[in-house]
Amino acid sequence: MAARHRQGRRTIAIIVTTALVAGLVMGFYAGSRYQLWHLQDACLDAGGRVSDDGVARCEIEREIEREFDPR
């Protein structure tokens, strides 16, 4: 009987740990998508553009490239 009780506790611990890890992963993913959305929005406000694959190119970024890469 005690072995069955220990097995049940172990199962519950595995389920809780899995749920916590999944929540952390989803939270980090959602946070990064939220930051990307704000970056793209800021680039559009600055007169930049966002390509189809989601890469944001800002005017500020282009100016920095011109300043540090004199080609």
PDB file of N, CA and C in Angstrom:
ATOM      1  N   MET A   1       0.811  -1.189   0.000  1.00  0.00           N
ATOM      2  CA  MET A   1       0.000   0.000   0.000  1.00  0.00           C
ATOM      3  C   MET A   1       0.864   1.266   0.000  1.00  0.00           C
ATOM      4  N   ALA A   2       1.946   1.246   0.772  1.00  0.00           N
ATOM      5  CA  ALA A   2       2.823   2.412   0.837  1.00  0.00           C
ATOM      6  C   ALA A   2       3.519   2.650  -0.496  1.00  0.00           C
ATOM      7  N   ALA A   3       3.844   1.569  -1.203  1.00  0.00           N
ATOM      8  CA  ALA A   3       4.492   1.709  -2.512  1.00  0.00           C
ATOM      9  C   ALA A   3       3.555   2.387  -3.502  1.00  0.00           C
ATOM     10  N   ARG A   4       2.288   2.046  -3.427  1.00  0.00           N
ATOM     11  CA  ARG A   4       1.306   2.655  -4.329  1.00  0.00           C
ATOM     12  C   ARG A   4       1.183   4.157  -4.031  1.00  0.00           C
ATOM     13  N   HIS A   5       1.227   4.518  -2.759  1.00  0.00           N
ATOM     14  CA  HIS A   5       1.136   5.923  -2.356  1.00  0.00           C
ATOM     15  C   HIS A   5       2.349   6.706  -2.865  1.00  0.00           C
ATOM     16  N   ARG A   6       3.548   6.105  -2.760  1.00  0.00           N
ATOM     17  CA  ARG A   6       4.761   6.762  -3.265  1.00  0.00           C
ATOM     18  C   ARG A   6       4.704   6.940  -4.778  1.00  0.00           C
ATOM     19  N   GLN A   7       4.187   5.928  -5.471  1.00  0.00           N
ATOM     20  CA  GLN A   7       4.083   6.011  -6.931  1.00  0.00           C
ATOM     21  C   GLN A   7       3.127   7.141  -7.328  1.00  0.00           C
ATOM     22  N   GLY A   8       2.048   7.296  -6.589  1.00  0.00           N
ATOM     23  CA  GLY A   8       1.092   8.366  -6.870  1.00  0.00           C
ATOM     24  C   GLY A   8       1.708   9.739  -6.654  1.00  0.00           C
ATOM     25  N   ARG A   9       2.482   9.883  -5.592  1.00  0.00           N
ATOM     26  CA  ARG A   9       3.166  11.157  -5.340  1.00  0.00           C
ATOM     27  C   ARG A   9       4.164  11.467  -6.445  1.00  0.00           C
ATOM     28  N   ARG A  10       4.889  10.444  -6.884  1.00  0.00           N
ATOM     29  CA  ARG A  10       5.872  10.636  -7.950  1.00  0.00           C
ATOM     30  C   ARG A  10       5.177  11.071  -9.240  1.00  0.00           C
ATOM     31  N   THR A  11       4.054  10.442  -9.554  1.00  0.00           N
ATOM     32  CA  THR A  11       3.302  10.804 -10.757  1.00  0.00           C
ATOM     33  C   THR A  11       2.823  12.250 -10.678  1.00  0.00           C
ATOM     34  N   ILE A  12       2.307  12.638  -9.528  1.00  0.00           N
ATOM     35  CA  ILE A  12       1.846  14.020  -9.356  1.00  0.00           C
ATOM     36  C   ILE A  12       3.014  14.994  -9.490  1.00  0.00           C
ATOM     37  N   ALA A  13       4.163  14.653  -8.917  1.00  0.00           N
ATOM     38  CA  ALA A  13       5.338  15.523  -9.017  1.00  0.00           C
ATOM     39  C   ALA A  13       5.783  15.677 -10.466  1.00  0.00           C
ATOM     40  N   ILE A  14       5.749  14.590 -11.232  1.00  0.00           N
ATOM     41  CA  ILE A  14       6.134  14.655 -12.651  1.00  0.00           C
ATOM     42  C   ILE A  14       5.163  15.539 -13.421  1.00  0.00           C
ATOM     43  N   ILE A  15       3.872  15.394 -13.164  1.00  0.00           N
ATOM     44  CA  ILE A  15       2.864  16.199 -13.870  1.00  0.00           C
ATOM     45  C   ILE A  15       3.031  17.684 -13.542  1.00  0.00           C
ATOM     46  N   VAL A  16       3.225  18.001 -12.270  1.00  0.00           N
ATOM     47  CA  VAL A  16       3.385  19.401 -11.860  1.00  0.00           C
ATOM     48  C   VAL A  16       4.656  19.995 -12.459  1.00  0.00           C
ATOM     49  N   THR A  17       5.756  19.249 -12.420  1.00  0.00           N
ATOM     50  CA  THR A  17       7.019  19.738 -12.988  1.00  0.00           C
ATOM     51  C   THR A  17       6.890  19.969 -14.485  1.00  0.00           C
ATOM     52  N   THR A  18       6.255  19.033 -15.183  1.00  0.00           N
ATOM     53  CA  THR A  18       6.059  19.182 -16.627  1.00  0.00           C
ATOM     54  C   THR A  18       5.213  20.415 -16.937  1.00  0.00           C
ATOM     55  N   ALA A  19       4.167  20.637 -16.160  1.00  0.00           N
ATOM     56  CA  ALA A  19       3.311  21.808 -16.377  1.00  0.00           C
ATOM     57  C   ALA A  19       4.079  23.106 -16.128  1.00  0.00           C
ATOM     58  N   LEU A  20       4.907  23.130 -15.094  1.00  0.00           N
ATOM     59  CA  LEU A  20       5.696  24.333 -14.814  1.00  0.00           C
ATOM     60  C   LEU A  20       6.697  24.622 -15.925  1.00  0.00           C
ATOM     61  N   VAL A  21       7.387  23.599 -16.399  1.00  0.00           N
ATOM     62  CA  VAL A  21       8.361  23.788 -17.480  1.00  0.00           C
ATOM     63  C   VAL A  21       7.652  24.242 -18.749  1.00  0.00           C
ATOM     64  N   ALA A  22       6.520  23.621 -19.074  1.00  0.00           N
ATOM     65  CA  ALA A  22       5.770  24.025 -20.267  1.00  0.00           C
ATOM     66  C   ALA A  22       5.302  25.474 -20.145  1.00  0.00           C
ATOM     67  N   GLY A  23       4.866  25.873 -18.962  1.00  0.00           N
ATOM     68  CA  GLY A  23       4.446  27.255 -18.749  1.00  0.00           C
ATOM     69  C   GLY A  23       5.586  28.238 -18.928  1.00  0.00           C
ATOM     70  N   LEU A  24       6.760  27.886 -18.424  1.00  0.00           N
ATOM     71  CA  LEU A  24       7.924  28.759 -18.601  1.00  0.00           C
ATOM     72  C   LEU A  24       8.295  28.896 -20.069  1.00  0.00           C
ATOM     73  N   VAL A  25       8.315  27.788 -20.787  1.00  0.00           N
ATOM     74  CA  VAL A  25       8.674  27.830 -22.210  1.00  0.00           C
ATOM     75  C   VAL A  25       7.675  28.680 -22.980  1.00  0.00           C
ATOM     76  N   MET A  26       6.391  28.471 -22.734  1.00  0.00           N
ATOM     77  CA  MET A  26       5.375  29.253 -23.439  1.00  0.00           C
ATOM     78  C   MET A  26       5.465  30.730 -23.065  1.00  0.00           C
ATOM     79  N   GLY A  27       5.782  31.025 -21.807  1.00  0.00           N
ATOM     80  CA  GLY A  27       5.925  32.411 -21.378  1.00  0.00           C
ATOM     81  C   GLY A  27       7.082  33.113 -22.051  1.00  0.00           C
ATOM     82  N   PHE A  28       8.219  32.436 -22.137  1.00  0.00           N
ATOM     83  CA  PHE A  28       9.367  33.032 -22.821  1.00  0.00           C
ATOM     84  C   PHE A  28       9.068  33.244 -24.301  1.00  0.00           C
ATOM     85  N   TYR A  29       8.404  32.282 -24.931  1.00  0.00           N
ATOM     86  CA  TYR A  29       8.068  32.415 -26.350  1.00  0.00           C
ATOM     87  C   TYR A  29       7.112  33.589 -26.565  1.00  0.00           C
ATOM     88  N   ALA A  30       6.076  33.672 -25.741  1.00  0.00           N
ATOM     89  CA  ALA A  30       5.109  34.765 -25.886  1.00  0.00           C
ATOM     90  C   ALA A  30       5.775  36.114 -25.632  1.00  0.00           C
ATOM     91  N   GLY A  31       6.668  36.175 -24.659  1.00  0.00           N
ATOM     92  CA  GLY A  31       7.380  37.420 -24.377  1.00  0.00           C
ATOM     93  C   GLY A  31       8.256  37.858 -25.529  1.00  0.00           C
ATOM     94  N   SER A  32       8.932  36.908 -26.159  1.00  0.00           N
ATOM     95  CA  SER A  32       9.796  37.270 -27.283  1.00  0.00           C
ATOM     96  C   SER A  32       8.968  37.717 -28.479  1.00  0.00           C
ATOM     97  N   ARG A  33       7.818  37.080 -28.706  1.00  0.00           N
ATOM     98  CA  ARG A  33       6.944  37.505 -29.807  1.00  0.00           C
ATOM     99  C   ARG A  33       6.396  38.906 -29.537  1.00  0.00           C
ATOM    100  N   TYR A  34       6.077  39.197 -28.276  1.00  0.00           N
ATOM    101  CA  TYR A  34       5.560  40.512 -27.902  1.00  0.00           C
ATOM    102  C   TYR A  34       6.615  41.584 -28.138  1.00  0.00           C
ATOM    103  N   GLN A  35       7.866  41.302 -27.769  1.00  0.00           N
ATOM    104  CA  GLN A  35       8.946  42.258 -28.001  1.00  0.00           C
ATOM    105  C   GLN A  35       9.175  42.462 -29.493  1.00  0.00           C
ATOM    106  N   LEU A  36       9.127  41.392 -30.272  1.00  0.00           N
ATOM    107  CA  LEU A  36       9.306  41.501 -31.718  1.00  0.00           C
ATOM    108  C   LEU A  36       8.207  42.365 -32.323  1.00  0.00           C
ATOM    109  N   TRP A  37       6.978  42.186 -31.853  1.00  0.00           N
ATOM    110  CA  TRP A  37       5.869  42.976 -32.368  1.00  0.00           C
ATOM    111  C   TRP A  37       6.106  44.457 -32.089  1.00  0.00           C
ATOM    112  N   HIS A  38       6.568  44.797 -30.885  1.00  0.00           N
ATOM    113  CA  HIS A  38       6.846  46.197 -30.555  1.00  0.00           C
ATOM    114  C   HIS A  38       8.001  46.742 -31.391  1.00  0.00           C
ATOM    115  N   LEU A  39       9.021  45.944 -31.637  1.00  0.00           N
ATOM    116  CA  LEU A  39      10.142  46.377 -32.471  1.00  0.00           C
ATOM    117  C   LEU A  39       9.673  46.669 -33.892  1.00  0.00           C
ATOM    118  N   GLN A  40       8.858  45.782 -34.447  1.00  0.00           N
ATOM    119  CA  GLN A  40       8.344  46.000 -35.796  1.00  0.00           C
ATOM    120  C   GLN A  40       7.475  47.247 -35.846  1.00  0.00           C
ATOM    121  N   ASP A  41       6.653  47.451 -34.842  1.00  0.00           N
ATOM    122  CA  ASP A  41       5.793  48.625 -34.793  1.00  0.00           C
ATOM    123  C   ASP A  41       6.625  49.902 -34.718  1.00  0.00           C
ATOM    124  N   ALA A  42       7.688  49.887 -33.916  1.00  0.00           N
ATOM    125  CA  ALA A  42       8.566  51.054 -33.798  1.00  0.00           C
ATOM    126  C   ALA A  42       9.281  51.328 -35.113  1.00  0.00           C
ATOM    127  N   CYS A  43       9.683  50.276 -35.826  1.00  0.00           N
ATOM    128  CA  CYS A  43      10.348  50.467 -37.116  1.00  0.00           C
ATOM    129  C   CYS A  43       9.399  51.093 -38.132  1.00  0.00           C
ATOM    130  N   LEU A  44       8.169  50.634 -38.149  1.00  0.00           N
ATOM    131  CA  LEU A  44       7.199  51.217 -39.073  1.00  0.00           C
ATOM    132  C   LEU A  44       6.941  52.681 -38.728  1.00  0.00           C
ATOM    133  N   ASP A  45       6.874  52.999 -37.438  1.00  0.00           N
ATOM    134  CA  ASP A  45       6.681  54.391 -37.016  1.00  0.00           C
ATOM    135  C   ASP A  45       7.862  55.266 -37.413  1.00  0.00           C
ATOM    136  N   ALA A  46       9.065  54.687 -37.461  1.00  0.00           N
ATOM    137  CA  ALA A  46      10.268  55.446 -37.808  1.00  0.00           C
ATOM    138  C   ALA A  46      10.474  55.531 -39.317  1.00  0.00           C
ATOM    139  N   GLY A  47       9.535  55.005 -40.083  1.00  0.00           N
ATOM    140  CA  GLY A  47       9.653  55.069 -41.533  1.00  0.00           C
ATOM    141  C   GLY A  47      10.380  53.888 -42.129  1.00  0.00           C
ATOM    142  N   GLY A  48      10.617  52.877 -41.341  1.00  0.00           N
ATOM    143  CA  GLY A  48      11.283  51.677 -41.847  1.00  0.00           C
ATOM    144  C   GLY A  48      10.272  50.748 -42.493  1.00  0.00           C
ATOM    145  N   ARG A  49      10.688  49.524 -42.683  1.00  0.00           N
ATOM    146  CA  ARG A  49       9.791  48.547 -43.293  1.00  0.00           C
ATOM    147  C   ARG A  49       9.997  47.206 -42.605  1.00  0.00           C
ATOM    148  N   VAL A  50       8.996  46.345 -42.742  1.00  0.00           N
ATOM    149  CA  VAL A  50       9.072  44.988 -42.208  1.00  0.00           C
ATOM    150  C   VAL A  50       8.857  44.048 -43.380  1.00  0.00           C
ATOM    151  N   SER A  51       9.826  43.164 -43.629  1.00  0.00           N
ATOM    152  CA  SER A  51       9.719  42.255 -44.765  1.00  0.00           C
ATOM    153  C   SER A  51       8.731  41.129 -44.462  1.00  0.00           C
ATOM    154  N   ASP A  52       8.447  40.323 -45.485  1.00  0.00           N
ATOM    155  CA  ASP A  52       7.481  39.235 -45.332  1.00  0.00           C
ATOM    156  C   ASP A  52       7.894  38.221 -44.271  1.00  0.00           C
ATOM    157  N   ASP A  53       9.207  38.035 -44.077  1.00  0.00           N
ATOM    158  CA  ASP A  53       9.653  37.067 -43.071  1.00  0.00           C
ATOM    159  C   ASP A  53       9.760  37.685 -41.679  1.00  0.00           C
ATOM    160  N   GLY A  54       9.309  38.935 -41.518  1.00  0.00           N
ATOM    161  CA  GLY A  54       9.246  39.556 -40.204  1.00  0.00           C
ATOM    162  C   GLY A  54      10.489  40.320 -39.798  1.00  0.00           C
ATOM    163  N   VAL A  55      11.461  40.458 -40.704  1.00  0.00           N
ATOM    164  CA  VAL A  55      12.686  41.178 -40.372  1.00  0.00           C
ATOM    165  C   VAL A  55      12.414  42.675 -40.474  1.00  0.00           C
ATOM    166  N   ALA A  56      12.706  43.387 -39.405  1.00  0.00           N
ATOM    167  CA  ALA A  56      12.451  44.821 -39.365  1.00  0.00           C
ATOM    168  C   ALA A  56      13.717  45.576 -39.747  1.00  0.00           C
ATOM    169  N   ARG A  57      13.591  46.516 -40.664  1.00  0.00           N
ATOM    170  CA  ARG A  57      14.715  47.368 -41.065  1.00  0.00           C
ATOM    171  C   ARG A  57      14.301  48.802 -40.780  1.00  0.00           C
ATOM    172  N   CYS A  58      14.965  49.428 -39.839  1.00  0.00           N
ATOM    173  CA  CYS A  58      14.630  50.792 -39.441  1.00  0.00           C
ATOM    174  C   CYS A  58      15.571  51.780 -40.113  1.00  0.00           C
ATOM    175  N   GLU A  59      15.094  52.995 -40.272  1.00  0.00           N
ATOM    176  CA  GLU A  59      15.950  54.060 -40.782  1.00  0.00           C
ATOM    177  C   GLU A  59      17.123  54.277 -39.838  1.00  0.00           C
ATOM    178  N   ILE A  60      16.866  54.213 -38.542  1.00  0.00           N
ATOM    179  CA  ILE A  60      17.932  54.392 -37.555  1.00  0.00           C
ATOM    180  C   ILE A  60      19.004  53.329 -37.757  1.00  0.00           C
ATOM    181  N   GLU A  61      18.576  52.101 -37.989  1.00  0.00           N
ATOM    182  CA  GLU A  61      19.518  51.005 -38.210  1.00  0.00           C
ATOM    183  C   GLU A  61      20.365  51.274 -39.453  1.00  0.00           C
ATOM    184  N   ARG A  62      19.750  51.775 -40.498  1.00  0.00           N
ATOM    185  CA  ARG A  62      20.494  52.073 -41.729  1.00  0.00           C
ATOM    186  C   ARG A  62      21.509  53.189 -41.495  1.00  0.00           C
ATOM    187  N   GLU A  63      21.119  54.203 -40.719  1.00  0.00           N
ATOM    188  CA  GLU A  63      22.051  55.293 -40.417  1.00  0.00           C
ATOM    189  C   GLU A  63      23.249  54.789 -39.625  1.00  0.00           C
ATOM    190  N   ILE A  64      23.013  53.918 -38.678  1.00  0.00           N
ATOM    191  CA  ILE A  64      24.116  53.347 -37.898  1.00  0.00           C
ATOM    192  C   ILE A  64      25.033  52.538 -38.805  1.00  0.00           C
ATOM    193  N   GLU A  65      24.454  51.768 -39.721  1.00  0.00           N
ATOM    194  CA  GLU A  65      25.268  50.986 -40.652  1.00  0.00           C
ATOM    195  C   GLU A  65      26.133  51.904 -41.511  1.00  0.00           C
ATOM    196  N   ARG A  66      25.563  53.007 -41.989  1.00  0.00           N
ATOM    197  CA  ARG A  66      26.332  53.934 -42.822  1.00  0.00           C
ATOM    198  C   ARG A  66      27.469  54.571 -42.027  1.00  0.00           C
ATOM    199  N   GLU A  67      27.205  54.880 -40.781  1.00  0.00           N
ATOM    200  CA  GLU A  67      28.210  55.544 -39.954  1.00  0.00           C
ATOM    201  C   GLU A  67      29.396  54.635 -39.649  1.00  0.00           C
ATOM    202  N   PHE A  68      29.140  53.366 -39.378  1.00  0.00           N
ATOM    203  CA  PHE A  68      30.209  52.465 -38.961  1.00  0.00           C
ATOM    204  C   PHE A  68      30.747  51.589 -40.083  1.00  0.00           C
ATOM    205  N   ASP A  69      30.110  51.599 -41.242  1.00  0.00           N
ATOM    206  CA  ASP A  69      30.578  50.796 -42.377  1.00  0.00           C
ATOM    207  C   ASP A  69      30.684  51.718 -43.591  1.00  0.00           C
ATOM    208  N   PRO A  70      31.826  52.368 -43.783  1.00  0.00           N
ATOM    209  CA  PRO A  70      31.949  53.424 -44.798  1.00  0.00           C
ATOM    210  C   PRO A  70      32.088  52.928 -46.243  1.00  0.00           C
ATOM    211  N   ARG A  71      31.653  51.734 -46.555  1.00  0.00           N
ATOM    212  CA  ARG A  71      31.782  51.243 -47.939  1.00  0.00           C
ATOM    213  C   ARG A  71      31.022  52.072 -48.915  1.00  0.00           C
TER     214      ARG A  71
END
